């Protein structure tokens, strides 16, 4: 399901500036997408259309790159995106129970963002920290050697922060 949004002129101008910073070079598409996602938090179809126009490439090519690479998202993430590693080491050491506990406490399924915009939930194949399995990322902060009992404390830690930086 795709929701049509209207991007503001300010946002359009910022995306145009990002493209220009890479000389509107279509070979810099991935870098442009990274910078745009850093700015917006995600890559809505309307932003992809602006990028396509500025880089003089088909919108379908931009969409193809966004949908291919798992780093890019077309869905807004929460202020505190939670990612549970489901790689082999993490899975064997209980990542599924940890994921289930996050689902229960947050009332979210994988791929969803809470209505308050505070949390989003994702699962990853591997974060490359197998020695710390099972691993959870909240933003870029790594939590390792977790048990399902640790989940409540992690959620509370971020709920207490609210939308503070």
N, C-alpha and C. Protein backbone atom coordinates (compact mmCIF):
# COMPACT_ATOMS: atom_id res chain seq x y z
N UNK A 1 0.84 -1.18 0.00
CA UNK A 1 0.00 0.00 0.00
C UNK A 1 0.89 1.24 0.00
N UNK A 2 0.66 2.11 -0.93
CA UNK A 2 1.46 3.32 -1.05
C UNK A 2 0.59 4.53 -0.73
N UNK A 3 1.07 5.36 0.16
CA UNK A 3 0.35 6.56 0.51
C UNK A 3 1.00 7.73 -0.22
N UNK A 4 0.20 8.46 -0.96
CA UNK A 4 0.71 9.61 -1.71
C UNK A 4 0.87 10.77 -0.73
N UNK A 5 2.08 11.30 -0.67
CA UNK A 5 2.33 12.45 0.18
C UNK A 5 2.70 13.62 -0.71
N UNK A 6 2.57 14.78 -0.18
CA UNK A 6 2.98 15.99 -0.90
C UNK A 6 4.23 16.51 -0.20
N UNK A 7 5.34 16.56 -0.90
CA UNK A 7 6.54 17.10 -0.27
C UNK A 7 6.52 18.62 -0.39
N UNK A 8 7.03 19.26 0.61
CA UNK A 8 7.05 20.72 0.63
C UNK A 8 8.10 21.25 -0.35
N UNK A 9 7.97 22.53 -0.68
CA UNK A 9 8.97 23.16 -1.56
C UNK A 9 10.33 23.14 -0.88
N UNK A 10 10.35 23.31 0.45
CA UNK A 10 11.61 23.28 1.20
C UNK A 10 12.29 21.91 1.03
N UNK A 11 11.49 20.84 1.15
CA UNK A 11 12.03 19.49 1.00
C UNK A 11 12.51 19.26 -0.43
N UNK A 12 11.72 19.70 -1.39
CA UNK A 12 12.11 19.56 -2.80
C UNK A 12 13.44 20.28 -3.06
N UNK A 13 13.56 21.50 -2.52
CA UNK A 13 14.79 22.27 -2.69
C UNK A 13 15.98 21.55 -2.07
N UNK A 14 15.78 20.97 -0.89
CA UNK A 14 16.86 20.25 -0.21
C UNK A 14 17.30 19.03 -1.04
N UNK A 15 16.34 18.31 -1.59
CA UNK A 15 16.68 17.16 -2.43
C UNK A 15 17.44 17.62 -3.67
N UNK A 16 17.01 18.71 -4.26
CA UNK A 16 17.71 19.27 -5.42
C UNK A 16 19.14 19.65 -5.05
N UNK A 17 19.32 20.23 -3.85
CA UNK A 17 20.67 20.59 -3.39
C UNK A 17 21.54 19.36 -3.20
N UNK A 18 20.94 18.29 -2.66
CA UNK A 18 21.69 17.04 -2.47
C UNK A 18 22.15 16.52 -3.84
N UNK A 19 21.25 16.51 -4.79
CA UNK A 19 21.61 16.04 -6.14
C UNK A 19 22.72 16.90 -6.73
N UNK A 20 22.58 18.20 -6.57
CA UNK A 20 23.58 19.12 -7.12
C UNK A 20 24.94 18.92 -6.46
N UNK A 21 24.95 18.56 -5.15
CA UNK A 21 26.23 18.34 -4.45
C UNK A 21 26.99 17.16 -5.04
N UNK A 22 26.28 16.30 -5.78
CA UNK A 22 26.90 15.18 -6.49
C UNK A 22 26.90 15.45 -8.00
N UNK A 23 26.86 16.74 -8.35
CA UNK A 23 26.91 17.19 -9.76
C UNK A 23 25.81 16.58 -10.63
N UNK A 24 24.68 16.27 -10.03
CA UNK A 24 23.55 15.66 -10.74
C UNK A 24 24.00 14.46 -11.59
N UNK A 25 24.99 13.75 -11.08
CA UNK A 25 25.59 12.61 -11.77
C UNK A 25 24.79 11.35 -11.43
N UNK A 26 24.22 10.71 -12.43
CA UNK A 26 23.41 9.51 -12.21
C UNK A 26 24.23 8.37 -11.59
N UNK A 27 25.54 8.40 -11.78
CA UNK A 27 26.42 7.39 -11.18
C UNK A 27 26.52 7.53 -9.67
N UNK A 28 26.03 8.63 -9.15
CA UNK A 28 26.05 8.88 -7.70
C UNK A 28 24.69 8.60 -7.05
N UNK A 29 23.84 7.86 -7.75
CA UNK A 29 22.48 7.61 -7.27
C UNK A 29 22.45 7.08 -5.84
N UNK A 30 23.25 6.09 -5.54
CA UNK A 30 23.22 5.51 -4.19
C UNK A 30 23.62 6.55 -3.14
N UNK A 31 24.63 7.34 -3.43
CA UNK A 31 25.03 8.40 -2.49
C UNK A 31 23.92 9.43 -2.31
N UNK A 32 23.27 9.79 -3.40
CA UNK A 32 22.15 10.74 -3.32
C UNK A 32 21.03 10.15 -2.47
N UNK A 33 20.74 8.89 -2.69
CA UNK A 33 19.68 8.23 -1.91
C UNK A 33 20.03 8.20 -0.43
N UNK A 34 21.28 7.87 -0.11
CA UNK A 34 21.71 7.86 1.30
C UNK A 34 21.51 9.23 1.94
N UNK A 35 21.99 10.27 1.28
CA UNK A 35 21.88 11.63 1.82
C UNK A 35 20.42 12.04 1.98
N UNK A 36 19.61 11.70 0.99
CA UNK A 36 18.19 12.06 1.05
C UNK A 36 17.50 11.31 2.18
N UNK A 37 17.81 10.03 2.33
CA UNK A 37 17.20 9.27 3.43
C UNK A 37 17.68 9.78 4.77
N UNK A 38 18.94 10.19 4.87
CA UNK A 38 19.43 10.79 6.12
C UNK A 38 18.61 12.04 6.46
N UNK A 39 18.27 12.80 5.44
CA UNK A 39 17.52 14.05 5.64
C UNK A 39 16.05 13.79 5.98
N UNK A 40 15.40 12.88 5.22
CA UNK A 40 13.97 12.65 5.41
C UNK A 40 13.64 11.53 6.38
N UNK A 41 14.58 10.60 6.56
CA UNK A 41 14.31 9.43 7.39
C UNK A 41 13.81 8.25 6.59
N UNK A 42 13.38 8.50 5.37
CA UNK A 42 12.91 7.45 4.47
C UNK A 42 12.86 8.05 3.06
N UNK A 43 12.47 7.22 2.07
CA UNK A 43 12.47 7.68 0.67
C UNK A 43 11.09 7.50 0.05
N UNK A 44 10.19 8.44 0.29
CA UNK A 44 8.86 8.33 -0.32
C UNK A 44 8.95 8.44 -1.84
N UNK A 45 7.93 7.94 -2.52
CA UNK A 45 7.91 7.95 -3.99
C UNK A 45 8.13 9.36 -4.54
N UNK A 46 7.58 10.36 -3.88
CA UNK A 46 7.69 11.73 -4.36
C UNK A 46 9.14 12.22 -4.33
N UNK A 47 9.90 11.81 -3.32
CA UNK A 47 11.33 12.16 -3.25
C UNK A 47 12.09 11.43 -4.35
N UNK A 48 11.72 10.19 -4.61
CA UNK A 48 12.37 9.42 -5.67
C UNK A 48 12.13 10.07 -7.03
N UNK A 49 10.93 10.63 -7.22
CA UNK A 49 10.62 11.31 -8.48
C UNK A 49 11.50 12.54 -8.68
N UNK A 50 11.71 13.31 -7.61
CA UNK A 50 12.57 14.50 -7.69
C UNK A 50 14.00 14.07 -8.03
N UNK A 51 14.49 13.03 -7.37
CA UNK A 51 15.84 12.53 -7.63
C UNK A 51 15.97 12.10 -9.09
N UNK A 52 14.98 11.37 -9.58
CA UNK A 52 15.02 10.92 -10.98
C UNK A 52 15.08 12.12 -11.93
N UNK A 53 14.28 13.13 -11.65
CA UNK A 53 14.29 14.32 -12.51
C UNK A 53 15.65 15.01 -12.48
N UNK A 54 16.20 15.16 -11.28
CA UNK A 54 17.47 15.89 -11.13
C UNK A 54 18.66 15.13 -11.72
N UNK A 55 18.61 13.79 -11.65
CA UNK A 55 19.72 12.98 -12.17
C UNK A 55 19.47 12.54 -13.62
N UNK A 56 18.32 12.94 -14.17
CA UNK A 56 17.97 12.63 -15.56
C UNK A 56 17.97 11.13 -15.83
N UNK A 57 17.30 10.40 -14.94
CA UNK A 57 17.15 8.95 -15.09
C UNK A 57 15.68 8.60 -14.85
N UNK A 58 15.25 7.44 -15.32
CA UNK A 58 13.85 7.05 -15.09
C UNK A 58 13.56 6.83 -13.60
N UNK A 59 12.36 7.20 -13.20
CA UNK A 59 11.93 6.97 -11.82
C UNK A 59 12.01 5.48 -11.48
N UNK A 60 11.72 4.63 -12.47
CA UNK A 60 11.77 3.18 -12.25
C UNK A 60 13.17 2.72 -11.84
N UNK A 61 14.20 3.35 -12.36
CA UNK A 61 15.57 2.99 -11.98
C UNK A 61 15.83 3.35 -10.52
N UNK A 62 15.36 4.54 -10.11
CA UNK A 62 15.52 4.97 -8.71
C UNK A 62 14.77 4.00 -7.80
N UNK A 63 13.53 3.70 -8.15
CA UNK A 63 12.72 2.77 -7.36
C UNK A 63 13.39 1.40 -7.29
N UNK A 64 13.95 0.94 -8.40
CA UNK A 64 14.62 -0.36 -8.42
C UNK A 64 15.77 -0.43 -7.44
N UNK A 65 16.55 0.64 -7.34
CA UNK A 65 17.67 0.68 -6.39
C UNK A 65 17.14 0.73 -4.96
N UNK A 66 16.15 1.58 -4.72
CA UNK A 66 15.59 1.72 -3.37
C UNK A 66 15.00 0.40 -2.89
N UNK A 67 14.28 -0.29 -3.78
CA UNK A 67 13.63 -1.53 -3.37
C UNK A 67 14.61 -2.71 -3.29
N UNK A 68 15.74 -2.62 -3.97
CA UNK A 68 16.72 -3.71 -3.96
C UNK A 68 17.55 -3.73 -2.68
N UNK A 69 18.04 -2.57 -2.26
CA UNK A 69 18.94 -2.51 -1.11
C UNK A 69 18.15 -2.39 0.19
N UNK A 70 18.43 -3.28 1.13
CA UNK A 70 17.66 -3.32 2.38
C UNK A 70 17.91 -2.10 3.26
N UNK A 71 19.00 -1.38 3.03
CA UNK A 71 19.26 -0.20 3.84
C UNK A 71 18.22 0.89 3.59
N UNK A 72 17.72 0.95 2.35
CA UNK A 72 16.76 1.99 2.01
C UNK A 72 15.36 1.57 2.42
N UNK A 73 14.57 2.56 2.81
CA UNK A 73 13.19 2.28 3.20
C UNK A 73 12.25 3.32 2.61
N UNK A 74 11.09 2.86 2.22
CA UNK A 74 10.05 3.74 1.71
C UNK A 74 8.98 3.99 2.78
N UNK A 75 9.22 3.43 3.95
CA UNK A 75 8.29 3.56 5.07
C UNK A 75 8.98 4.37 6.17
N UNK A 76 8.30 5.38 6.71
CA UNK A 76 8.92 6.16 7.78
C UNK A 76 9.28 5.26 8.97
N UNK A 77 10.47 5.46 9.50
CA UNK A 77 10.90 4.72 10.68
C UNK A 77 10.56 5.53 11.92
N UNK A 78 10.51 4.84 13.05
CA UNK A 78 10.28 5.52 14.31
C UNK A 78 11.53 6.30 14.71
N UNK A 79 11.35 7.17 15.68
CA UNK A 79 12.48 7.94 16.22
C UNK A 79 13.57 6.99 16.69
N UNK A 80 13.16 5.86 17.25
CA UNK A 80 14.09 4.84 17.74
C UNK A 80 13.81 3.53 16.99
N UNK A 81 14.47 3.33 15.85
CA UNK A 81 14.25 2.08 15.11
C UNK A 81 14.96 0.93 15.80
N UNK A 82 14.20 -0.12 16.05
CA UNK A 82 14.72 -1.31 16.73
C UNK A 82 14.88 -2.41 15.69
N UNK A 83 16.09 -2.97 15.60
CA UNK A 83 16.37 -4.04 14.65
C UNK A 83 16.92 -5.23 15.40
N UNK A 84 16.28 -6.37 15.22
CA UNK A 84 16.71 -7.60 15.88
C UNK A 84 17.43 -8.45 14.86
N UNK A 85 18.65 -8.86 15.18
CA UNK A 85 19.42 -9.72 14.29
C UNK A 85 18.84 -11.13 14.34
N UNK A 86 18.57 -11.68 13.17
CA UNK A 86 18.03 -13.04 13.08
C UNK A 86 19.02 -13.96 12.36
N UNK A 87 20.29 -13.55 12.32
CA UNK A 87 21.33 -14.40 11.75
C UNK A 87 21.45 -15.69 12.54
N UNK A 88 22.18 -16.63 12.02
CA UNK A 88 22.26 -17.97 12.62
C UNK A 88 22.66 -17.93 14.09
N UNK A 89 23.75 -17.24 14.42
CA UNK A 89 24.21 -17.23 15.82
C UNK A 89 23.16 -16.60 16.73
N UNK A 90 22.57 -15.51 16.30
CA UNK A 90 21.55 -14.84 17.13
C UNK A 90 20.30 -15.70 17.25
N UNK A 91 19.90 -16.30 16.14
CA UNK A 91 18.70 -17.12 16.14
C UNK A 91 18.86 -18.31 17.10
N UNK A 92 20.00 -18.98 17.01
CA UNK A 92 20.26 -20.14 17.85
C UNK A 92 20.27 -19.75 19.34
N UNK A 93 20.69 -18.52 19.62
CA UNK A 93 20.78 -18.07 21.01
C UNK A 93 19.54 -17.31 21.48
N UNK A 94 18.42 -17.43 20.76
CA UNK A 94 17.16 -16.91 21.28
C UNK A 94 16.64 -15.62 20.70
N UNK A 95 17.10 -15.22 19.53
CA UNK A 95 16.64 -13.95 18.94
C UNK A 95 15.14 -13.95 18.69
N UNK A 96 14.58 -15.09 18.36
CA UNK A 96 13.14 -15.15 18.09
C UNK A 96 12.33 -14.80 19.34
N UNK A 97 12.76 -15.27 20.51
CA UNK A 97 12.07 -14.93 21.76
C UNK A 97 12.19 -13.43 22.05
N UNK A 98 13.35 -12.87 21.74
CA UNK A 98 13.56 -11.43 21.95
C UNK A 98 12.66 -10.64 21.01
N UNK A 99 12.60 -11.04 19.76
CA UNK A 99 11.72 -10.38 18.80
C UNK A 99 10.26 -10.46 19.27
N UNK A 100 9.85 -11.63 19.71
CA UNK A 100 8.47 -11.79 20.20
C UNK A 100 8.18 -10.86 21.38
N UNK A 101 9.15 -10.68 22.25
CA UNK A 101 8.96 -9.80 23.40
C UNK A 101 8.83 -8.34 22.96
N UNK A 102 9.65 -7.90 22.00
CA UNK A 102 9.50 -6.55 21.46
C UNK A 102 8.13 -6.38 20.82
N UNK A 103 7.69 -7.38 20.04
CA UNK A 103 6.37 -7.31 19.41
C UNK A 103 5.29 -7.13 20.47
N UNK A 104 5.40 -7.93 21.53
CA UNK A 104 4.41 -7.88 22.61
C UNK A 104 4.40 -6.53 23.32
N UNK A 105 5.57 -6.05 23.73
CA UNK A 105 5.64 -4.81 24.49
C UNK A 105 5.28 -3.57 23.67
N UNK A 106 5.64 -3.58 22.37
CA UNK A 106 5.40 -2.41 21.53
C UNK A 106 4.07 -2.49 20.77
N UNK A 107 3.50 -3.69 20.69
CA UNK A 107 2.28 -3.86 19.91
C UNK A 107 2.53 -3.66 18.42
N UNK A 108 3.72 -4.04 17.97
CA UNK A 108 4.10 -3.87 16.57
C UNK A 108 4.51 -5.20 15.97
N UNK A 109 4.35 -5.32 14.68
CA UNK A 109 4.91 -6.42 13.92
C UNK A 109 6.13 -5.91 13.18
N UNK A 110 6.95 -6.80 12.69
CA UNK A 110 8.13 -6.43 11.91
C UNK A 110 7.69 -5.59 10.72
N UNK A 111 8.37 -4.47 10.52
CA UNK A 111 8.06 -3.58 9.42
C UNK A 111 7.09 -2.47 9.78
N UNK A 112 6.62 -2.44 11.03
CA UNK A 112 5.66 -1.43 11.44
C UNK A 112 6.31 -0.35 12.29
N UNK A 113 5.66 0.80 12.30
CA UNK A 113 6.06 1.93 13.13
C UNK A 113 4.87 2.28 14.01
N UNK A 114 5.13 2.54 15.29
CA UNK A 114 4.06 2.89 16.21
C UNK A 114 3.38 4.19 15.80
N UNK A 115 2.11 4.32 16.15
CA UNK A 115 1.35 5.51 15.79
C UNK A 115 1.92 6.77 16.43
N UNK A 116 2.64 6.62 17.54
CA UNK A 116 3.26 7.78 18.19
C UNK A 116 4.59 8.17 17.53
N UNK A 117 5.06 7.35 16.58
CA UNK A 117 6.29 7.64 15.87
C UNK A 117 7.55 7.38 16.68
N UNK A 118 7.41 6.80 17.85
CA UNK A 118 8.56 6.59 18.72
C UNK A 118 9.41 5.38 18.30
N UNK A 119 8.77 4.24 18.03
CA UNK A 119 9.49 3.02 17.70
C UNK A 119 9.05 2.44 16.36
N UNK A 120 10.00 1.81 15.69
CA UNK A 120 9.68 0.95 14.55
C UNK A 120 10.45 -0.35 14.79
N UNK A 121 9.96 -1.42 14.20
CA UNK A 121 10.53 -2.74 14.46
C UNK A 121 10.94 -3.41 13.15
N UNK A 122 12.16 -3.93 13.14
CA UNK A 122 12.68 -4.61 11.96
C UNK A 122 13.50 -5.82 12.39
N UNK A 123 13.66 -6.74 11.47
CA UNK A 123 14.58 -7.86 11.71
C UNK A 123 15.63 -7.81 10.60
N UNK A 124 16.84 -8.20 10.95
CA UNK A 124 17.96 -8.18 10.02
C UNK A 124 18.53 -9.58 9.89
N UNK A 125 19.21 -9.82 8.79
CA UNK A 125 19.82 -11.14 8.59
C UNK A 125 21.06 -11.33 9.43
N UNK A 126 21.91 -10.32 9.48
CA UNK A 126 23.13 -10.42 10.28
C UNK A 126 23.72 -9.03 10.45
N UNK A 127 24.15 -8.72 11.67
CA UNK A 127 24.79 -7.42 11.90
C UNK A 127 26.30 -7.56 12.07
N UNK A 128 26.78 -8.78 11.99
CA UNK A 128 28.23 -9.00 12.06
C UNK A 128 28.80 -8.93 13.46
N UNK A 129 27.97 -9.16 14.45
CA UNK A 129 28.44 -9.14 15.84
C UNK A 129 28.09 -10.48 16.50
N UNK A 130 28.42 -11.56 15.82
CA UNK A 130 28.02 -12.90 16.25
C UNK A 130 28.51 -13.27 17.64
N UNK A 131 29.65 -12.72 18.04
CA UNK A 131 30.18 -13.00 19.38
C UNK A 131 29.33 -12.41 20.49
N UNK A 132 28.44 -11.46 20.14
CA UNK A 132 27.56 -10.83 21.12
C UNK A 132 26.14 -11.38 21.05
N UNK A 133 25.93 -12.42 20.28
CA UNK A 133 24.59 -12.94 20.03
C UNK A 133 23.86 -13.31 21.32
N UNK A 134 22.55 -13.05 21.32
CA UNK A 134 21.74 -12.35 20.34
C UNK A 134 21.88 -10.83 20.45
N UNK A 135 21.77 -10.16 19.30
CA UNK A 135 22.05 -8.73 19.20
C UNK A 135 20.80 -7.97 18.75
N UNK A 136 20.64 -6.79 19.36
CA UNK A 136 19.59 -5.85 18.96
C UNK A 136 20.25 -4.49 18.74
N UNK A 137 19.83 -3.80 17.69
CA UNK A 137 20.26 -2.42 17.45
C UNK A 137 19.07 -1.50 17.72
N UNK A 138 19.33 -0.44 18.45
CA UNK A 138 18.35 0.64 18.57
C UNK A 138 19.06 1.84 17.96
N UNK A 139 18.61 2.22 16.77
CA UNK A 139 19.38 3.19 16.00
C UNK A 139 20.71 2.54 15.68
N UNK A 140 21.80 3.16 16.12
CA UNK A 140 23.12 2.58 15.90
C UNK A 140 23.73 2.00 17.17
N UNK A 141 22.97 2.05 18.28
CA UNK A 141 23.47 1.50 19.55
C UNK A 141 23.24 -0.01 19.58
N UNK A 142 24.29 -0.75 19.91
CA UNK A 142 24.25 -2.22 19.91
C UNK A 142 24.03 -2.74 21.33
N UNK A 143 23.07 -3.65 21.44
CA UNK A 143 22.82 -4.36 22.70
C UNK A 143 23.10 -5.83 22.43
N UNK A 144 24.03 -6.42 23.19
CA UNK A 144 24.40 -7.80 22.95
C UNK A 144 24.17 -8.70 24.14
N UNK A 145 24.21 -10.00 23.85
CA UNK A 145 24.01 -11.05 24.85
C UNK A 145 22.71 -10.84 25.62
N UNK A 146 21.65 -10.60 24.88
CA UNK A 146 20.37 -10.28 25.47
C UNK A 146 19.55 -11.52 25.81
N UNK A 147 18.71 -11.34 26.79
CA UNK A 147 17.67 -12.32 27.13
C UNK A 147 16.34 -11.59 26.98
N UNK A 148 15.26 -12.33 26.84
CA UNK A 148 13.96 -11.68 26.65
C UNK A 148 13.61 -10.77 27.84
N UNK A 149 14.16 -11.06 29.01
CA UNK A 149 13.92 -10.22 30.20
C UNK A 149 14.53 -8.83 30.05
N UNK A 150 15.53 -8.67 29.18
CA UNK A 150 16.19 -7.37 28.98
C UNK A 150 15.37 -6.41 28.13
N UNK A 151 14.44 -6.93 27.38
CA UNK A 151 13.68 -6.13 26.42
C UNK A 151 12.91 -5.00 27.10
N UNK A 152 12.26 -5.30 28.20
CA UNK A 152 11.45 -4.29 28.89
C UNK A 152 12.31 -3.09 29.29
N UNK A 153 13.52 -3.34 29.80
CA UNK A 153 14.41 -2.25 30.20
C UNK A 153 14.84 -1.40 29.01
N UNK A 154 15.08 -2.04 27.87
CA UNK A 154 15.48 -1.30 26.68
C UNK A 154 14.33 -0.40 26.22
N UNK A 155 13.13 -0.94 26.18
CA UNK A 155 11.97 -0.16 25.76
C UNK A 155 11.76 1.02 26.72
N UNK A 156 11.84 0.77 28.01
CA UNK A 156 11.65 1.83 29.00
C UNK A 156 12.71 2.93 28.88
N UNK A 157 13.94 2.52 28.62
CA UNK A 157 15.03 3.49 28.45
C UNK A 157 14.69 4.52 27.38
N UNK A 158 14.15 4.04 26.25
CA UNK A 158 13.84 4.95 25.15
C UNK A 158 12.50 5.66 25.33
N UNK A 159 11.56 5.01 25.98
CA UNK A 159 10.28 5.69 26.27
C UNK A 159 10.53 6.90 27.17
N UNK A 160 11.47 6.75 28.11
CA UNK A 160 11.78 7.85 29.02
C UNK A 160 12.45 9.01 28.30
N UNK A 161 13.12 8.72 27.18
CA UNK A 161 13.73 9.78 26.38
C UNK A 161 12.71 10.53 25.54
N UNK A 162 11.61 9.83 25.20
CA UNK A 162 10.61 10.46 24.33
C UNK A 162 11.24 10.82 23.01
N UNK A 163 11.04 12.05 22.58
CA UNK A 163 11.60 12.50 21.30
C UNK A 163 12.84 13.35 21.49
N UNK A 164 13.45 13.28 22.68
CA UNK A 164 14.69 14.04 22.92
C UNK A 164 15.79 13.48 22.05
N UNK A 165 16.75 14.31 21.71
CA UNK A 165 17.87 13.87 20.88
C UNK A 165 18.89 13.14 21.73
